[in-house]
Every structure is written in C-alpha cells, then in structure tokens.
C-alpha cells in the first residue's frame, strides 16, 4: 500500500517534501500564477436553485439533476428538454426522494445517489428502475466501464464501494482519514465526491479534509496518485479548518467545505479541483498546470459545485446561479 507523507512541521520546505515524497506521488510546488477565467454565457437557463449536477449522455444529450426533484432531466445539445429518468409514468418506488448526485454511461444507463431514500437507484437506458442499492447516506456515484457503479458514503469502512448493476457489492477500497476521536467528526471529514474516466480509474476528492486532497485509484482499487495541497499557499486555511474541527471535538461543530468541485477529463485524465472560486488544473500524474479565478459574464465570482470537462469547453455549475459555459483554457501556463 502506497502512503502519502504528512507534513508535521509547517516550515518544512517544498524542496524537502519533494525529496521525501515516494513514487508515484508528486509534491505540489508553491504556485505563483493565477489567471481570470470568465464565463462565455449561461446554458440550460431553466436550471438554477437546487442544482446538483450535469453529465454528458449518449448522442450529445445532457442529464441534469436538481433537488428536490423526482427525476433527472434530459436535454438536447441546444438546451431543449427532451425527457427524464425515471419517466413520468414510473412507480413511486422509482421516483427520487432527494437526489444528491448521479452519473450516466455512454449507453444511457444511470445511477443516482438518492440521499432521501438512503439508496442508490440504478436505471436502464430506457428509464426503467433496474436496482435499488441500500446505502446509508450515499454522497456521490460514478458509473464505471463494464457495468459497475462506484459509490462513496462517509458511513462505510472504506472510501469507495463498487457494485454491479444488479446491486451486488464486488469490491471496496480507499483508506479513510481519521483525524479526530469522535466518529461523527471523522465521518464528516470522509465525505467526498467521485468521478471516473474512460479507463475505469476512480477519483475521490475530500470535501472537508483541511488539506485539500484528491486521490486516483486504478480499476482494481489500488491508489495510483494523490494530490495533497500542503504548501504555504494553503496552510493558513488548513490550520483554521483543523482548529474548527478541534473545537467540534468539544461539542461545537464548525465545518467549512474545502474542495467544492471535482472534474476529470475522461480521455486525458486531467484533474480539475475547485476550492471556492479558485479553479486548479492538474495533469494525469497530479502535477499542477494552471490556476484560475472563475467569474460569471457580469463579473461576479462563481464558486463551482460541479465541473464537466469537455473537449473544447468547461461547464461549471453552482447553486443557485445555474450552469455556465467557460472556454477550455490552455493546457499549460507559460
């Protein structure tokens, strides 16, 4: 098992950390450059408050989840609503209670994390309910190649559990972070979001871990890369978050979301992380390529909650602002 190195001394230099970091992890250097990234326009204008996620479906369609809503809505590439999953005629058991996240594969099969039902609901391409997987507090899901579903819940013993489309668990993996003596605090810290790429790798970003951290696992569940931002740039916020968690050990919980959005290019395996209005781009090995501040067309900042990476654009969404189209920035900063 490969392990990341935790820095115990805040003054430890980045160069020293780079020397200590074991392969395949790459230390994140202090990053000085930051550009503005301004949205070109708002898309899917009917989507606003309650927005939870957007995914690209088959034949150029887009699937969008808002909450509370009984179904995931389907739009064509022009923004016209063309259907929903489950269908309007579906049974009550198929309807969503409170959908938190979802994913769709290239064939149109859908998995929805229905937090209100404590379950992940799996739908076929025609919108029929195929399986209901009981999960306590499911946070996020990702559909993997080969008919499997990765599920993240802070209430399980590992970060990620994988099921087949029939609802049978086939494996679990990913070490939790235990930073407090109270189980509820650790469960909160292990809340996170999932993405997957075309090769079947899964990516997990911790929402509340004080040091911004994302991990990449291969198809078998082995840890292959970790992005852990522990440089001077992030230390003050991390120390503040840890103090808040320490106070929560004494009965006054105070949590602040650290990573607000995770996006993955399914082909290149580039990783995009949002920390509030700060958007960072990493290559497939975890090397930081660029940093941006995200703005809506009128100049107001937008704090991403969802990042959909496409070949020539980024779709960034937030609740309640909606979904905005951004130009896909250059791959590197000169």
Protein backbone atom coordinates (compact mmCIF):
# COMPACT_ATOMS: atom_id res chain seq x y z
CA UNK A 1 0.00 0.00 0.00
CA UNK A 2 1.40 3.34 -1.05
CA UNK A 3 1.07 6.05 1.54
CA UNK A 4 1.27 9.82 1.27
CA UNK A 5 3.63 11.68 3.59
CA UNK A 6 2.07 14.06 6.10
CA UNK A 7 3.99 17.22 6.89
CA UNK A 8 4.33 17.72 10.62
CA UNK A 9 6.35 20.94 10.51
CA UNK A 10 4.70 23.84 8.68
CA UNK A 11 8.09 25.40 7.85
CA UNK A 12 9.37 22.31 6.06
CA UNK A 13 10.45 23.46 2.61
CA UNK A 14 8.73 22.37 -0.58
CA UNK A 15 12.07 21.10 -1.84
CA UNK A 16 12.48 18.87 1.20
CA UNK A 17 8.98 17.49 0.76
CA UNK A 18 9.74 16.74 -2.90
CA UNK A 19 12.76 14.74 -1.81
CA UNK A 20 10.69 12.74 0.68
CA UNK A 21 7.65 12.09 -1.49
CA UNK A 22 7.53 8.45 -2.66
CA UNK A 23 6.67 7.48 -6.24
CA UNK A 24 4.10 7.81 -7.80
CA UNK A 25 3.18 10.91 -5.79
CA UNK A 26 4.48 14.26 -6.93
CA UNK A 27 4.84 17.13 -4.48
CA UNK A 28 2.82 20.24 -5.30
CA UNK A 29 5.17 23.19 -5.70
CA UNK A 30 4.30 26.66 -4.49
CA UNK A 31 2.28 28.12 -7.35
CA UNK A 32 2.53 31.82 -8.13
CA UNK A 33 0.45 32.31 -11.29
CA UNK A 34 -3.29 32.79 -11.38
CA UNK A 35 -5.45 33.90 -14.31
CA UNK A 36 -9.05 35.05 -14.65
CA UNK A 37 -11.44 32.62 -16.33
CA UNK A 38 -14.64 34.35 -17.41
CA UNK A 39 -17.79 32.50 -18.44
CA UNK A 40 -18.92 32.99 -22.02
CA UNK A 41 -22.61 32.51 -21.34
CA UNK A 42 -25.19 30.80 -19.20
CA UNK A 43 -26.54 27.50 -20.54
CA UNK A 44 -29.64 25.49 -19.64
CA UNK A 45 -31.17 28.69 -18.31
CA UNK A 46 -34.12 26.92 -16.68
CA UNK A 47 -31.69 25.34 -14.20
CA UNK A 48 -30.95 27.38 -11.09
CA UNK A 49 -31.72 26.89 -7.38
CA UNK A 50 -31.33 23.28 -6.28
CA UNK A 51 -28.80 22.43 -8.99
CA UNK A 52 -26.82 19.29 -8.12
CA UNK A 53 -25.04 18.06 -11.23
CA UNK A 54 -24.72 17.77 -15.00
CA UNK A 55 -23.40 14.86 -17.08
CA UNK A 56 -22.96 14.24 -20.80
CA UNK A 57 -25.14 11.40 -22.05
CA UNK A 58 -25.27 9.45 -25.33
CA UNK A 59 -25.74 11.20 -28.70
CA UNK A 60 -24.83 14.61 -27.33
CA UNK A 61 -27.58 14.74 -24.71
CA UNK A 62 -27.15 16.24 -21.25
CA UNK A 63 -28.58 14.94 -17.98
CA UNK A 64 -29.20 17.44 -15.18
CA UNK A 65 -30.17 16.83 -11.55
CA UNK A 66 -31.79 19.35 -9.25
CA UNK A 67 -33.11 18.74 -5.75
CA UNK A 68 -35.68 18.12 -4.63
CA UNK A 69 -36.95 16.61 -7.87
CA UNK A 70 -38.47 13.19 -8.63
CA UNK A 71 -36.33 12.71 -11.76
CA UNK A 72 -33.15 13.57 -13.65
CA UNK A 73 -34.00 15.80 -16.62
CA UNK A 74 -32.63 15.16 -20.13
CA UNK A 75 -31.81 17.98 -22.57
CA UNK A 76 -30.52 18.03 -26.13
CA UNK A 77 -27.38 19.98 -27.02
CA UNK A 78 -29.49 23.04 -27.85
CA UNK A 79 -30.86 23.15 -24.30
CA UNK A 80 -34.33 21.77 -25.07
CA UNK A 81 -35.79 19.37 -22.52
CA UNK A 82 -36.42 16.00 -24.21
CA UNK A 83 -37.14 13.55 -21.38
CA UNK A 84 -36.46 12.43 -17.85
CA UNK A 85 -35.33 9.44 -15.78
CA UNK A 86 -37.39 7.85 -14.38
CA UNK A 87 -40.25 8.51 -16.78
CA UNK A 88 -43.29 10.48 -15.64
CA UNK A 89 -45.27 7.23 -15.60
CA UNK A 90 -42.79 5.50 -13.28
CA UNK A 91 -43.84 3.98 -9.99
CA UNK A 92 -43.41 5.84 -6.73
CA UNK A 93 -40.56 3.50 -5.77
CA UNK A 94 -38.60 4.61 -8.84
CA UNK A 95 -39.05 8.32 -8.18
CA UNK A 96 -36.26 10.21 -6.45
CA UNK A 97 -36.80 11.47 -2.91
CA UNK A 98 -33.77 13.78 -2.73
CA UNK A 99 -31.11 13.14 -5.35
CA UNK A 100 -27.62 14.23 -4.32
CA UNK A 101 -25.54 13.17 -7.32
CA UNK A 102 -25.65 10.91 -10.36
CA UNK A 103 -23.69 9.57 -13.31
CA UNK A 104 -24.59 8.22 -16.74
CA UNK A 105 -22.60 5.95 -19.06
CA UNK A 106 -22.26 6.18 -22.83
CA UNK A 107 -25.20 3.80 -23.30
CA UNK A 108 -27.54 5.90 -21.16
CA UNK A 109 -27.57 3.71 -18.03
CA UNK A 110 -27.96 5.91 -14.98
CA UNK A 111 -27.08 5.70 -11.29
CA UNK A 112 -28.49 8.23 -8.82
CA UNK A 113 -27.44 8.79 -5.24
CA UNK A 114 -30.84 9.28 -3.59
CA UNK A 115 -29.90 10.62 -0.18
CA UNK A 116 -33.55 10.96 0.79
CA UNK A 117 -34.10 7.23 0.28
CA UNK A 118 -30.72 6.08 1.71
CA UNK A 119 -30.16 4.25 -1.55
CA UNK A 120 -28.52 4.37 -4.95
CA UNK A 121 -31.07 3.81 -7.72
CA UNK A 122 -29.93 2.26 -10.99
CA UNK A 123 -31.87 2.88 -14.20
CA UNK A 124 -31.57 1.32 -17.64
CA UNK A 125 -31.21 3.44 -20.77
CA UNK A 126 -34.99 3.42 -21.29
CA UNK A 127 -35.54 4.82 -17.79
CA UNK A 128 -36.67 1.63 -16.05
CA UNK A 129 -35.58 1.02 -12.46
CA UNK A 130 -33.09 -1.87 -12.59
CA UNK A 131 -31.91 -2.00 -8.97
CA UNK A 132 -32.10 -0.21 -5.65
CA UNK A 133 -28.91 -0.48 -3.59
CA UNK A 134 -29.38 0.31 0.11
CA UNK A 135 -26.61 2.68 1.25
CA UNK A 136 -26.58 4.81 4.39
CA UNK A 137 -26.13 8.44 3.37
CA UNK A 138 -24.85 7.93 -0.18
CA UNK A 139 -22.87 11.00 -1.21
CA UNK A 140 -21.71 10.51 -4.79
CA UNK A 141 -21.66 7.87 -7.51
CA UNK A 142 -19.70 7.14 -10.68
CA UNK A 143 -20.60 4.64 -13.40
CA UNK A 144 -17.61 2.53 -14.45
CA UNK A 145 -16.99 0.67 -17.71
CA UNK A 146 -18.23 -2.91 -17.69
CA UNK A 147 -21.48 -2.33 -15.85
CA UNK A 148 -20.23 -1.34 -12.39
CA UNK A 149 -21.07 1.54 -10.07
CA UNK A 150 -18.69 3.19 -7.60
CA UNK A 151 -20.40 4.66 -4.52
CA UNK A 152 -18.94 6.93 -1.86
CA UNK A 153 -20.55 7.21 1.57
CA UNK A 154 -18.95 8.59 4.74
CA UNK A 155 -20.70 5.87 6.73
CA UNK A 156 -18.77 2.92 5.26
CA UNK A 157 -15.45 1.42 6.35
CA UNK A 158 -13.70 2.31 3.05
CA UNK A 159 -13.96 5.39 0.89
CA UNK A 160 -15.40 3.64 -2.17
CA UNK A 161 -17.66 0.61 -2.64
CA UNK A 162 -18.25 -0.90 -6.09
CA UNK A 163 -21.45 -2.71 -7.10
CA UNK A 164 -22.64 -4.34 -10.28
CA UNK A 165 -25.82 -3.21 -11.99
CA UNK A 166 -27.77 -5.94 -10.17
CA UNK A 167 -26.87 -4.38 -6.82
CA UNK A 168 -24.22 -6.88 -5.67
CA UNK A 169 -21.10 -5.50 -4.00
CA UNK A 170 -17.95 -6.65 -5.79
CA UNK A 171 -15.14 -4.77 -4.01
CA UNK A 172 -14.32 -1.80 -1.81
CA UNK A 173 -11.19 0.27 -1.42
CA UNK A 174 -9.67 3.55 -0.27
CA UNK A 175 -8.38 4.32 3.23
CA UNK A 176 -10.36 6.75 5.34
CA UNK A 177 -8.80 9.71 7.12
CA UNK A 178 -9.17 9.55 10.89
CA UNK A 179 -8.24 12.93 12.36
CA UNK A 180 -10.43 13.10 15.49
CA UNK A 181 -11.57 10.87 18.33
CA UNK A 182 -15.27 11.30 17.56
CA UNK A 183 -16.78 9.07 14.86
CA UNK A 184 -19.19 11.74 13.61
CA UNK A 185 -16.31 14.13 13.01
CA UNK A 186 -14.36 11.53 11.04
CA UNK A 187 -17.45 10.64 9.03
CA UNK A 188 -17.82 14.29 8.07
CA UNK A 189 -14.16 14.54 7.08
CA UNK A 190 -14.54 11.45 4.85
CA UNK A 191 -17.42 12.95 2.92
CA UNK A 192 -16.33 13.43 -0.68
CA UNK A 193 -17.14 13.33 -4.36
CA UNK A 194 -16.40 10.77 -7.07
CA UNK A 195 -15.53 10.90 -10.76
CA UNK A 196 -14.41 8.22 -13.22
CA UNK A 197 -12.57 8.22 -16.54
CA UNK A 198 -12.90 6.11 -19.67
CA UNK A 199 -10.25 3.66 -18.44
CA UNK A 200 -12.18 2.85 -15.26
CA UNK A 201 -10.00 4.84 -12.86
CA UNK A 202 -11.87 6.46 -10.00
CA UNK A 203 -11.12 9.82 -8.41
CA UNK A 204 -12.11 10.84 -4.89
CA UNK A 205 -11.87 14.38 -3.51
CA UNK A 206 -12.36 15.02 0.21
CA UNK A 207 -14.88 17.79 0.84
CA UNK A 208 -13.82 18.67 4.39
CA UNK A 209 -10.28 17.38 4.92
CA UNK A 210 -8.37 20.54 5.96
CA UNK A 211 -5.53 19.96 3.49
CA UNK A 212 -7.12 19.86 0.00
CA UNK A 213 -6.72 16.25 -1.10
CA UNK A 214 -7.82 14.15 -4.07
CA UNK A 215 -6.91 10.55 -4.84
CA UNK A 216 -6.85 8.47 -8.00
CA UNK A 217 -7.44 4.71 -7.89
CA UNK A 218 -6.95 2.23 -10.71
CA UNK A 219 -9.64 -0.19 -11.86
CA UNK A 220 -8.66 -2.75 -9.21
CA UNK A 221 -8.83 -0.16 -6.43
CA UNK A 222 -5.11 0.47 -5.91
CA UNK A 223 -4.06 4.02 -5.09
CA UNK A 224 -2.08 5.35 -8.05
CA UNK A 225 -1.89 9.12 -7.44
CA UNK A 226 -2.64 11.66 -4.74
CA UNK A 227 -2.93 15.43 -4.95
CA UNK A 228 -2.32 16.84 -1.48
CA UNK A 229 -2.00 20.62 -1.25
CA UNK A 230 0.12 21.27 1.84
CA UNK A 231 2.22 24.21 0.67
CA UNK A 232 2.36 27.67 2.24
CA UNK A 233 -0.42 28.80 -0.10
CA UNK A 234 -2.94 26.56 1.67
CA UNK A 235 -1.53 26.29 5.20
CA UNK A 236 -3.46 29.16 6.86
CA UNK A 237 -6.83 27.85 5.70
CA UNK A 238 -5.91 24.28 6.65
CA UNK A 239 -4.81 25.33 10.13
CA UNK A 240 -8.04 27.28 10.59
CA UNK A 241 -10.10 24.27 9.49
CA UNK A 242 -8.24 21.99 11.90
CA UNK A 243 -8.88 24.40 14.76
CA UNK A 244 -12.58 24.34 13.89
CA UNK A 245 -12.57 20.53 13.91
CA UNK A 246 -10.70 20.53 17.22
CA UNK A 247 -13.44 22.73 18.68
CA UNK A 248 -16.03 20.31 17.30
CA UNK A 249 -14.41 17.61 19.43
CA UNK A 250 -15.66 19.70 22.34
CA UNK A 251 -19.22 19.84 21.12
CA UNK A 252 -19.28 22.88 18.80
CA UNK A 253 -19.11 21.56 15.22
CA UNK A 254 -17.84 24.09 12.70
CA UNK A 255 -17.21 22.69 9.24
CA UNK A 256 -16.15 24.54 6.12
CA UNK A 257 -16.19 22.86 2.73
CA UNK A 258 -12.65 22.80 1.34
CA UNK A 259 -12.87 21.24 -2.14
CA UNK A 260 -16.15 22.40 -3.65
CA UNK A 261 -15.96 20.64 -7.03
CA UNK A 262 -14.08 17.87 -8.85
CA UNK A 263 -13.89 17.36 -12.61
CA UNK A 264 -11.96 14.82 -14.69
CA UNK A 265 -11.25 14.74 -18.41
CA UNK A 266 -12.33 11.17 -19.25
CA UNK A 267 -9.74 10.84 -22.02
CA UNK A 268 -6.62 12.72 -20.87
CA UNK A 269 -7.22 12.01 -17.14
CA UNK A 270 -6.51 15.64 -16.27
CA UNK A 271 -8.00 16.61 -12.91
CA UNK A 272 -9.77 19.86 -12.10
CA UNK A 273 -10.31 20.94 -8.50
CA UNK A 274 -12.27 23.94 -7.25
CA UNK A 275 -11.68 25.49 -3.86
CA UNK A 276 -14.37 28.13 -3.81
CA UNK A 277 -13.61 30.49 -6.71
CA UNK A 278 -10.11 29.04 -7.22
CA UNK A 279 -10.01 26.52 -10.08
CA UNK A 280 -6.89 24.37 -10.50
CA UNK A 281 -5.84 22.14 -13.38
CA UNK A 282 -3.59 19.08 -12.86
CA UNK A 283 -2.16 16.60 -15.32
CA UNK A 284 -2.77 12.85 -15.03
CA UNK A 285 0.21 12.50 -12.69
CA UNK A 286 -1.00 15.18 -10.28
CA UNK A 287 1.30 17.98 -11.44
CA UNK A 288 -0.36 21.37 -11.16
CA UNK A 289 -0.61 23.03 -14.58
CA UNK A 290 -2.64 26.20 -14.05
CA UNK A 291 -4.81 28.16 -11.63
CA UNK A 292 -7.77 30.41 -12.35
CA UNK A 293 -10.38 32.57 -10.66
CA UNK A 294 -13.83 31.90 -12.06
CA UNK A 295 -16.25 34.68 -12.96
CA UNK A 296 -19.73 34.90 -14.41
CA UNK A 297 -20.18 37.08 -17.53
CA UNK A 298 -21.17 40.13 -15.47
CA UNK A 299 -18.02 39.97 -13.37
CA UNK A 300 -19.39 38.31 -10.22
CA UNK A 301 -17.34 35.40 -8.92
CA UNK A 302 -18.79 31.90 -9.11
CA UNK A 303 -17.97 29.13 -6.63
CA UNK A 304 -18.08 25.88 -8.58
CA UNK A 305 -20.03 22.92 -7.22
CA UNK A 306 -19.82 20.88 -10.45
CA UNK A 307 -17.24 20.76 -13.26
CA UNK A 308 -17.99 18.93 -16.50
CA UNK A 309 -14.86 18.73 -18.67
CA UNK A 310 -15.47 18.57 -22.42
CA UNK A 311 -13.11 18.67 -25.37
CA UNK A 312 -13.49 22.38 -26.11
CA UNK A 313 -15.18 23.84 -23.02
CA UNK A 314 -15.87 23.54 -19.32
CA UNK A 315 -19.40 23.54 -17.95
CA UNK A 316 -19.29 24.87 -14.40
CA UNK A 317 -22.37 24.89 -12.22
CA UNK A 318 -23.31 26.28 -8.84
CA UNK A 319 -26.41 26.51 -6.67
CA UNK A 320 -28.29 28.84 -7.10
CA UNK A 321 -26.51 30.57 -10.00
CA UNK A 322 -27.00 27.75 -12.54
CA UNK A 323 -24.69 26.40 -15.26
CA UNK A 324 -22.16 28.43 -17.25
CA UNK A 325 -20.00 27.70 -20.26
CA UNK A 326 -16.31 28.54 -19.93
CA UNK A 327 -13.62 28.34 -22.59
CA UNK A 328 -11.29 25.39 -22.16
CA UNK A 329 -8.05 27.11 -21.10
CA UNK A 330 -4.60 26.30 -22.44
CA UNK A 331 -3.07 23.11 -21.10
CA UNK A 332 -0.06 24.82 -19.59
CA UNK A 333 0.87 28.24 -18.27
CA UNK A 334 3.95 29.78 -19.88
